[in-house]
């Protein structure tokens, strides 16, 4: 089983914040928000920058967001 230390995760998230592609950040936020994957519009949920900003606020250290 792979193991990641908190420092490795923090460095990875800092790298994502600096160099991550916007689509990747959106995908991670969609997974975090449990956005359903379906071609049926009846199960659609609202999703946008609010959820992406929430992801950044929850996962990225404050010092990373201000750099």
PDB file of N, CA and C in Angstrom:
ATOM      1  N   UNK A   1       0.854  -1.185   0.000  1.00  0.00           N
ATOM      2  CA  UNK A   1       0.000   0.000   0.000  1.00  0.00           C
ATOM      3  C   UNK A   1       0.893   1.239   0.000  1.00  0.00           C
ATOM      4  N   UNK A   2       0.682   2.150  -0.952  1.00  0.00           N
ATOM      5  CA  UNK A   2       1.481   3.380  -0.989  1.00  0.00           C
ATOM      6  C   UNK A   2       1.225   4.235   0.251  1.00  0.00           C
ATOM      7  N   UNK A   3       2.245   4.903   0.668  1.00  0.00           N
ATOM      8  CA  UNK A   3       2.130   5.804   1.809  1.00  0.00           C
ATOM      9  C   UNK A   3       2.694   7.161   1.418  1.00  0.00           C
ATOM     10  N   UNK A   4       1.972   8.198   1.745  1.00  0.00           N
ATOM     11  CA  UNK A   4       2.423   9.555   1.497  1.00  0.00           C
ATOM     12  C   UNK A   4       2.439  10.300   2.817  1.00  0.00           C
ATOM     13  N   UNK A   5       3.526  10.969   3.085  1.00  0.00           N
ATOM     14  CA  UNK A   5       3.613  11.767   4.305  1.00  0.00           C
ATOM     15  C   UNK A   5       2.839  13.072   4.107  1.00  0.00           C
ATOM     16  N   UNK A   6       2.433  13.708   5.195  1.00  0.00           N
ATOM     17  CA  UNK A   6       1.756  15.007   5.055  1.00  0.00           C
ATOM     18  C   UNK A   6       2.606  16.028   4.288  1.00  0.00           C
ATOM     19  N   UNK A   7       3.932  15.966   4.472  1.00  0.00           N
ATOM     20  CA  UNK A   7       4.803  16.895   3.758  1.00  0.00           C
ATOM     21  C   UNK A   7       4.765  16.640   2.251  1.00  0.00           C
ATOM     22  N   UNK A   8       4.752  15.375   1.836  1.00  0.00           N
ATOM     23  CA  UNK A   8       4.678  15.059   0.414  1.00  0.00           C
ATOM     24  C   UNK A   8       3.361  15.538  -0.189  1.00  0.00           C
ATOM     25  N   UNK A   9       2.275  15.354   0.531  1.00  0.00           N
ATOM     26  CA  UNK A   9       0.970  15.806   0.038  1.00  0.00           C
ATOM     27  C   UNK A   9       0.945  17.319  -0.054  1.00  0.00           C
ATOM     28  N   UNK A  10       1.479  17.992   0.944  1.00  0.00           N
ATOM     29  CA  UNK A  10       1.513  19.459   0.930  1.00  0.00           C
ATOM     30  C   UNK A  10       2.337  19.970  -0.247  1.00  0.00           C
ATOM     31  N   UNK A  11       3.475  19.342  -0.502  1.00  0.00           N
ATOM     32  CA  UNK A  11       4.311  19.755  -1.643  1.00  0.00           C
ATOM     33  C   UNK A  11       3.591  19.495  -2.964  1.00  0.00           C
ATOM     34  N   UNK A  12       2.897  18.370  -3.053  1.00  0.00           N
ATOM     35  CA  UNK A  12       2.150  18.058  -4.268  1.00  0.00           C
ATOM     36  C   UNK A  12       1.032  19.052  -4.527  1.00  0.00           C
ATOM     37  N   UNK A  13       0.329  19.432  -3.468  1.00  0.00           N
ATOM     38  CA  UNK A  13      -0.750  20.401  -3.620  1.00  0.00           C
ATOM     39  C   UNK A  13      -0.204  21.785  -3.960  1.00  0.00           C
ATOM     40  N   UNK A  14       0.948  22.127  -3.382  1.00  0.00           N
ATOM     41  CA  UNK A  14       1.573  23.412  -3.714  1.00  0.00           C
ATOM     42  C   UNK A  14       1.967  23.426  -5.185  1.00  0.00           C
ATOM     43  N   UNK A  15       2.501  22.311  -5.674  1.00  0.00           N
ATOM     44  CA  UNK A  15       2.858  22.202  -7.096  1.00  0.00           C
ATOM     45  C   UNK A  15       1.614  22.343  -7.964  1.00  0.00           C
ATOM     46  N   UNK A  16       0.533  21.689  -7.559  1.00  0.00           N
ATOM     47  CA  UNK A  16      -0.717  21.792  -8.309  1.00  0.00           C
ATOM     48  C   UNK A  16      -1.199  23.236  -8.364  1.00  0.00           C
ATOM     49  N   UNK A  17      -1.103  23.940  -7.254  1.00  0.00           N
ATOM     50  CA  UNK A  17      -1.546  25.333  -7.215  1.00  0.00           C
ATOM     51  C   UNK A  17      -0.718  26.209  -8.149  1.00  0.00           C
ATOM     52  N   UNK A  18       0.573  25.896  -8.261  1.00  0.00           N
ATOM     53  CA  UNK A  18       1.466  26.717  -9.075  1.00  0.00           C
ATOM     54  C   UNK A  18       1.412  26.360 -10.559  1.00  0.00           C
ATOM     55  N   UNK A  19       1.277  25.069 -10.867  1.00  0.00           N
ATOM     56  CA  UNK A  19       1.436  24.640 -12.250  1.00  0.00           C
ATOM     57  C   UNK A  19       0.267  23.807 -12.770  1.00  0.00           C
ATOM     58  N   UNK A  20      -0.720  23.586 -11.935  1.00  0.00           N
ATOM     59  CA  UNK A  20      -1.827  22.715 -12.334  1.00  0.00           C
ATOM     60  C   UNK A  20      -2.677  23.311 -13.438  1.00  0.00           C
ATOM     61  N   UNK A  21      -3.143  22.454 -14.295  1.00  0.00           N
ATOM     62  CA  UNK A  21      -4.018  22.874 -15.376  1.00  0.00           C
ATOM     63  C   UNK A  21      -5.411  23.115 -14.806  1.00  0.00           C
ATOM     64  N   UNK A  22      -6.090  24.122 -15.291  1.00  0.00           N
ATOM     65  CA  UNK A  22      -7.413  24.473 -14.767  1.00  0.00           C
ATOM     66  C   UNK A  22      -8.385  23.311 -14.858  1.00  0.00           C
ATOM     67  N   UNK A  23      -8.292  22.523 -15.907  1.00  0.00           N
ATOM     68  CA  UNK A  23      -9.202  21.385 -16.058  1.00  0.00           C
ATOM     69  C   UNK A  23      -8.964  20.337 -14.980  1.00  0.00           C
ATOM     70  N   UNK A  24      -7.708  20.146 -14.587  1.00  0.00           N
ATOM     71  CA  UNK A  24      -7.405  19.193 -13.528  1.00  0.00           C
ATOM     72  C   UNK A  24      -7.979  19.662 -12.198  1.00  0.00           C
ATOM     73  N   UNK A  25      -7.835  20.933 -11.906  1.00  0.00           N
ATOM     74  CA  UNK A  25      -8.400  21.484 -10.668  1.00  0.00           C
ATOM     75  C   UNK A  25      -9.920  21.317 -10.687  1.00  0.00           C
ATOM     76  N   UNK A  26     -10.536  21.574 -11.825  1.00  0.00           N
ATOM     77  CA  UNK A  26     -11.991  21.399 -11.939  1.00  0.00           C
ATOM     78  C   UNK A  26     -12.386  19.946 -11.718  1.00  0.00           C
ATOM     79  N   UNK A  27     -11.633  19.021 -12.300  1.00  0.00           N
ATOM     80  CA  UNK A  27     -11.933  17.604 -12.130  1.00  0.00           C
ATOM     81  C   UNK A  27     -11.833  17.190 -10.668  1.00  0.00           C
ATOM     82  N   UNK A  28     -10.778  17.613  -9.995  1.00  0.00           N
ATOM     83  CA  UNK A  28     -10.631  17.282  -8.574  1.00  0.00           C
ATOM     84  C   UNK A  28     -11.776  17.866  -7.747  1.00  0.00           C
ATOM     85  N   UNK A  29     -12.169  19.091  -8.060  1.00  0.00           N
ATOM     86  CA  UNK A  29     -13.276  19.716  -7.342  1.00  0.00           C
ATOM     87  C   UNK A  29     -14.587  18.982  -7.611  1.00  0.00           C
ATOM     88  N   UNK A  30     -14.777  18.513  -8.832  1.00  0.00           N
ATOM     89  CA  UNK A  30     -15.991  17.755  -9.167  1.00  0.00           C
ATOM     90  C   UNK A  30     -16.024  16.443  -8.393  1.00  0.00           C
ATOM     91  N   UNK A  31     -14.890  15.772  -8.295  1.00  0.00           N
ATOM     92  CA  UNK A  31     -14.838  14.538  -7.517  1.00  0.00           C
ATOM     93  C   UNK A  31     -15.129  14.810  -6.046  1.00  0.00           C
ATOM     94  N   UNK A  32     -14.569  15.889  -5.536  1.00  0.00           N
ATOM     95  CA  UNK A  32     -14.769  16.252  -4.121  1.00  0.00           C
ATOM     96  C   UNK A  32     -16.234  16.585  -3.847  1.00  0.00           C
ATOM     97  N   UNK A  33     -16.909  17.206  -4.814  1.00  0.00           N
ATOM     98  CA  UNK A  33     -18.300  17.632  -4.647  1.00  0.00           C
ATOM     99  C   UNK A  33     -19.294  16.525  -5.011  1.00  0.00           C
ATOM    100  N   UNK A  34     -18.798  15.330  -5.346  1.00  0.00           N
ATOM    101  CA  UNK A  34     -19.661  14.201  -5.724  1.00  0.00           C
ATOM    102  C   UNK A  34     -20.591  14.537  -6.885  1.00  0.00           C
ATOM    103  N   UNK A  35     -20.063  15.229  -7.873  1.00  0.00           N
ATOM    104  CA  UNK A  35     -20.845  15.527  -9.067  1.00  0.00           C
ATOM    105  C   UNK A  35     -21.100  14.206  -9.799  1.00  0.00           C
ATOM    106  N   UNK A  36     -22.359  13.891 -10.089  1.00  0.00           N
ATOM    107  CA  UNK A  36     -22.655  12.605 -10.727  1.00  0.00           C
ATOM    108  C   UNK A  36     -22.156  12.550 -12.171  1.00  0.00           C
ATOM    109  N   UNK A  37     -21.763  11.373 -12.584  1.00  0.00           N
ATOM    110  CA  UNK A  37     -21.326  11.151 -13.963  1.00  0.00           C
ATOM    111  C   UNK A  37     -22.444  10.403 -14.668  1.00  0.00           C
ATOM    112  N   UNK A  38     -23.113  11.090 -15.574  1.00  0.00           N
ATOM    113  CA  UNK A  38     -24.261  10.497 -16.250  1.00  0.00           C
ATOM    114  C   UNK A  38     -24.621  11.338 -17.462  1.00  0.00           C
ATOM    115  N   UNK A  39     -25.321  10.717 -18.388  1.00  0.00           N
ATOM    116  CA  UNK A  39     -25.839  11.488 -19.515  1.00  0.00           C
ATOM    117  C   UNK A  39     -27.296  11.862 -19.281  1.00  0.00           C
ATOM    118  N   UNK A  40     -27.794  11.579 -18.098  1.00  0.00           N
ATOM    119  CA  UNK A  40     -29.161  11.918 -17.713  1.00  0.00           C
ATOM    120  C   UNK A  40     -29.152  13.258 -16.977  1.00  0.00           C
ATOM    121  N   UNK A  41     -29.706  14.273 -17.588  1.00  0.00           N
ATOM    122  CA  UNK A  41     -29.715  15.602 -16.998  1.00  0.00           C
ATOM    123  C   UNK A  41     -30.514  15.726 -15.714  1.00  0.00           C
ATOM    124  N   UNK A  42     -31.361  14.741 -15.416  1.00  0.00           N
ATOM    125  CA  UNK A  42     -32.174  14.808 -14.202  1.00  0.00           C
ATOM    126  C   UNK A  42     -31.320  14.784 -12.938  1.00  0.00           C
ATOM    127  N   UNK A  43     -30.131  14.180 -13.002  1.00  0.00           N
ATOM    128  CA  UNK A  43     -29.271  14.101 -11.822  1.00  0.00           C
ATOM    129  C   UNK A  43     -28.252  15.219 -11.737  1.00  0.00           C
ATOM    130  N   UNK A  44     -28.366  16.219 -12.605  1.00  0.00           N
ATOM    131  CA  UNK A  44     -27.381  17.300 -12.644  1.00  0.00           C
ATOM    132  C   UNK A  44     -27.391  18.119 -11.355  1.00  0.00           C
ATOM    133  N   UNK A  45     -26.231  18.617 -11.003  1.00  0.00           N
ATOM    134  CA  UNK A  45     -26.082  19.492  -9.843  1.00  0.00           C
ATOM    135  C   UNK A  45     -25.358  20.756 -10.291  1.00  0.00           C
ATOM    136  N   UNK A  46     -25.533  21.819  -9.534  1.00  0.00           N
ATOM    137  CA  UNK A  46     -24.817  23.051  -9.856  1.00  0.00           C
ATOM    138  C   UNK A  46     -23.353  22.875  -9.462  1.00  0.00           C
ATOM    139  N   UNK A  47     -22.480  23.345 -10.323  1.00  0.00           N
ATOM    140  CA  UNK A  47     -21.048  23.242 -10.071  1.00  0.00           C
ATOM    141  C   UNK A  47     -20.355  24.411 -10.735  1.00  0.00           C
ATOM    142  N   UNK A  48     -19.328  24.934 -10.066  1.00  0.00           N
ATOM    143  CA  UNK A  48     -18.576  26.033 -10.656  1.00  0.00           C
ATOM    144  C   UNK A  48     -17.428  26.479  -9.781  1.00  0.00           C
ATOM    145  N   UNK A  49     -17.069  27.735  -9.928  1.00  0.00           N
ATOM    146  CA  UNK A  49     -15.895  28.258  -9.223  1.00  0.00           C
ATOM    147  C   UNK A  49     -16.060  28.212  -7.705  1.00  0.00           C
ATOM    148  N   UNK A  50     -17.286  28.265  -7.225  1.00  0.00           N
ATOM    149  CA  UNK A  50     -17.508  28.198  -5.771  1.00  0.00           C
ATOM    150  C   UNK A  50     -16.937  26.894  -5.207  1.00  0.00           C
ATOM    151  N   UNK A  51     -17.189  25.780  -5.881  1.00  0.00           N
ATOM    152  CA  UNK A  51     -16.673  24.498  -5.427  1.00  0.00           C
ATOM    153  C   UNK A  51     -15.156  24.399  -5.624  1.00  0.00           C
ATOM    154  N   UNK A  52     -14.645  25.002  -6.694  1.00  0.00           N
ATOM    155  CA  UNK A  52     -13.205  24.989  -6.929  1.00  0.00           C
ATOM    156  C   UNK A  52     -12.484  25.803  -5.861  1.00  0.00           C
ATOM    157  N   UNK A  53     -13.025  26.949  -5.507  1.00  0.00           N
ATOM    158  CA  UNK A  53     -12.413  27.765  -4.454  1.00  0.00           C
ATOM    159  C   UNK A  53     -12.487  27.062  -3.107  1.00  0.00           C
ATOM    160  N   UNK A  54     -13.576  26.350  -2.854  1.00  0.00           N
ATOM    161  CA  UNK A  54     -13.708  25.597  -1.609  1.00  0.00           C
ATOM    162  C   UNK A  54     -12.627  24.519  -1.544  1.00  0.00           C
ATOM    163  N   UNK A  55     -12.391  23.841  -2.659  1.00  0.00           N
ATOM    164  CA  UNK A  55     -11.336  22.824  -2.713  1.00  0.00           C
ATOM    165  C   UNK A  55      -9.985  23.452  -2.380  1.00  0.00           C
ATOM    166  N   UNK A  56      -9.677  24.566  -2.987  1.00  0.00           N
ATOM    167  CA  UNK A  56      -8.411  25.253  -2.695  1.00  0.00           C
ATOM    168  C   UNK A  56      -8.310  25.630  -1.232  1.00  0.00           C
ATOM    169  N   UNK A  57      -9.389  26.133  -0.666  1.00  0.00           N
ATOM    170  CA  UNK A  57      -9.378  26.541   0.732  1.00  0.00           C
ATOM    171  C   UNK A  57      -9.210  25.378   1.685  1.00  0.00           C
ATOM    172  N   UNK A  58      -9.755  24.214   1.334  1.00  0.00           N
ATOM    173  CA  UNK A  58      -9.672  23.044   2.203  1.00  0.00           C
ATOM    174  C   UNK A  58      -8.326  22.342   2.104  1.00  0.00           C
ATOM    175  N   UNK A  59      -7.742  22.317   0.910  1.00  0.00           N
ATOM    176  CA  UNK A  59      -6.573  21.481   0.696  1.00  0.00           C
ATOM    177  C   UNK A  59      -5.249  22.214   0.684  1.00  0.00           C
ATOM    178  N   UNK A  60      -5.236  23.441   0.234  1.00  0.00           N
ATOM    179  CA  UNK A  60      -3.962  24.141   0.091  1.00  0.00           C
ATOM    180  C   UNK A  60      -3.647  24.944   1.343  1.00  0.00           C
ATOM    181  N   UNK A  61      -2.424  24.831   1.821  1.00  0.00           N
ATOM    182  CA  UNK A  61      -2.026  25.633   2.983  1.00  0.00           C
ATOM    183  C   UNK A  61      -2.145  27.117   2.679  1.00  0.00           C
ATOM    184  N   UNK A  62      -2.470  27.888   3.684  1.00  0.00           N
ATOM    185  CA  UNK A  62      -2.673  29.334   3.500  1.00  0.00           C
ATOM    186  C   UNK A  62      -1.441  29.998   2.896  1.00  0.00           C
ATOM    187  N   UNK A  63      -0.267  29.587   3.292  1.00  0.00           N
ATOM    188  CA  UNK A  63       0.949  30.231   2.763  1.00  0.00           C
ATOM    189  C   UNK A  63       1.128  29.944   1.281  1.00  0.00           C
ATOM    190  N   UNK A  64       0.628  28.820   0.800  1.00  0.00           N
ATOM    191  CA  UNK A  64       0.722  28.492  -0.624  1.00  0.00           C
ATOM    192  C   UNK A  64      -0.221  29.371  -1.438  1.00  0.00           C
ATOM    193  N   UNK A  65      -1.428  29.622  -0.907  1.00  0.00           N
ATOM    194  CA  UNK A  65      -2.412  30.420  -1.643  1.00  0.00           C
ATOM    195  C   UNK A  65      -1.986  31.872  -1.779  1.00  0.00           C
ATOM    196  N   UNK A  66      -1.139  32.368  -0.874  1.00  0.00           N
ATOM    197  CA  UNK A  66      -0.769  33.777  -0.899  1.00  0.00           C
ATOM    198  C   UNK A  66       0.513  34.031  -1.681  1.00  0.00           C
ATOM    199  N   UNK A  67       1.214  32.970  -2.089  1.00  0.00           N
ATOM    200  CA  UNK A  67       2.479  33.151  -2.822  1.00  0.00           C
ATOM    201  C   UNK A  67       2.212  33.428  -4.268  1.00  0.00           C
TER     202      UNK A  67
END
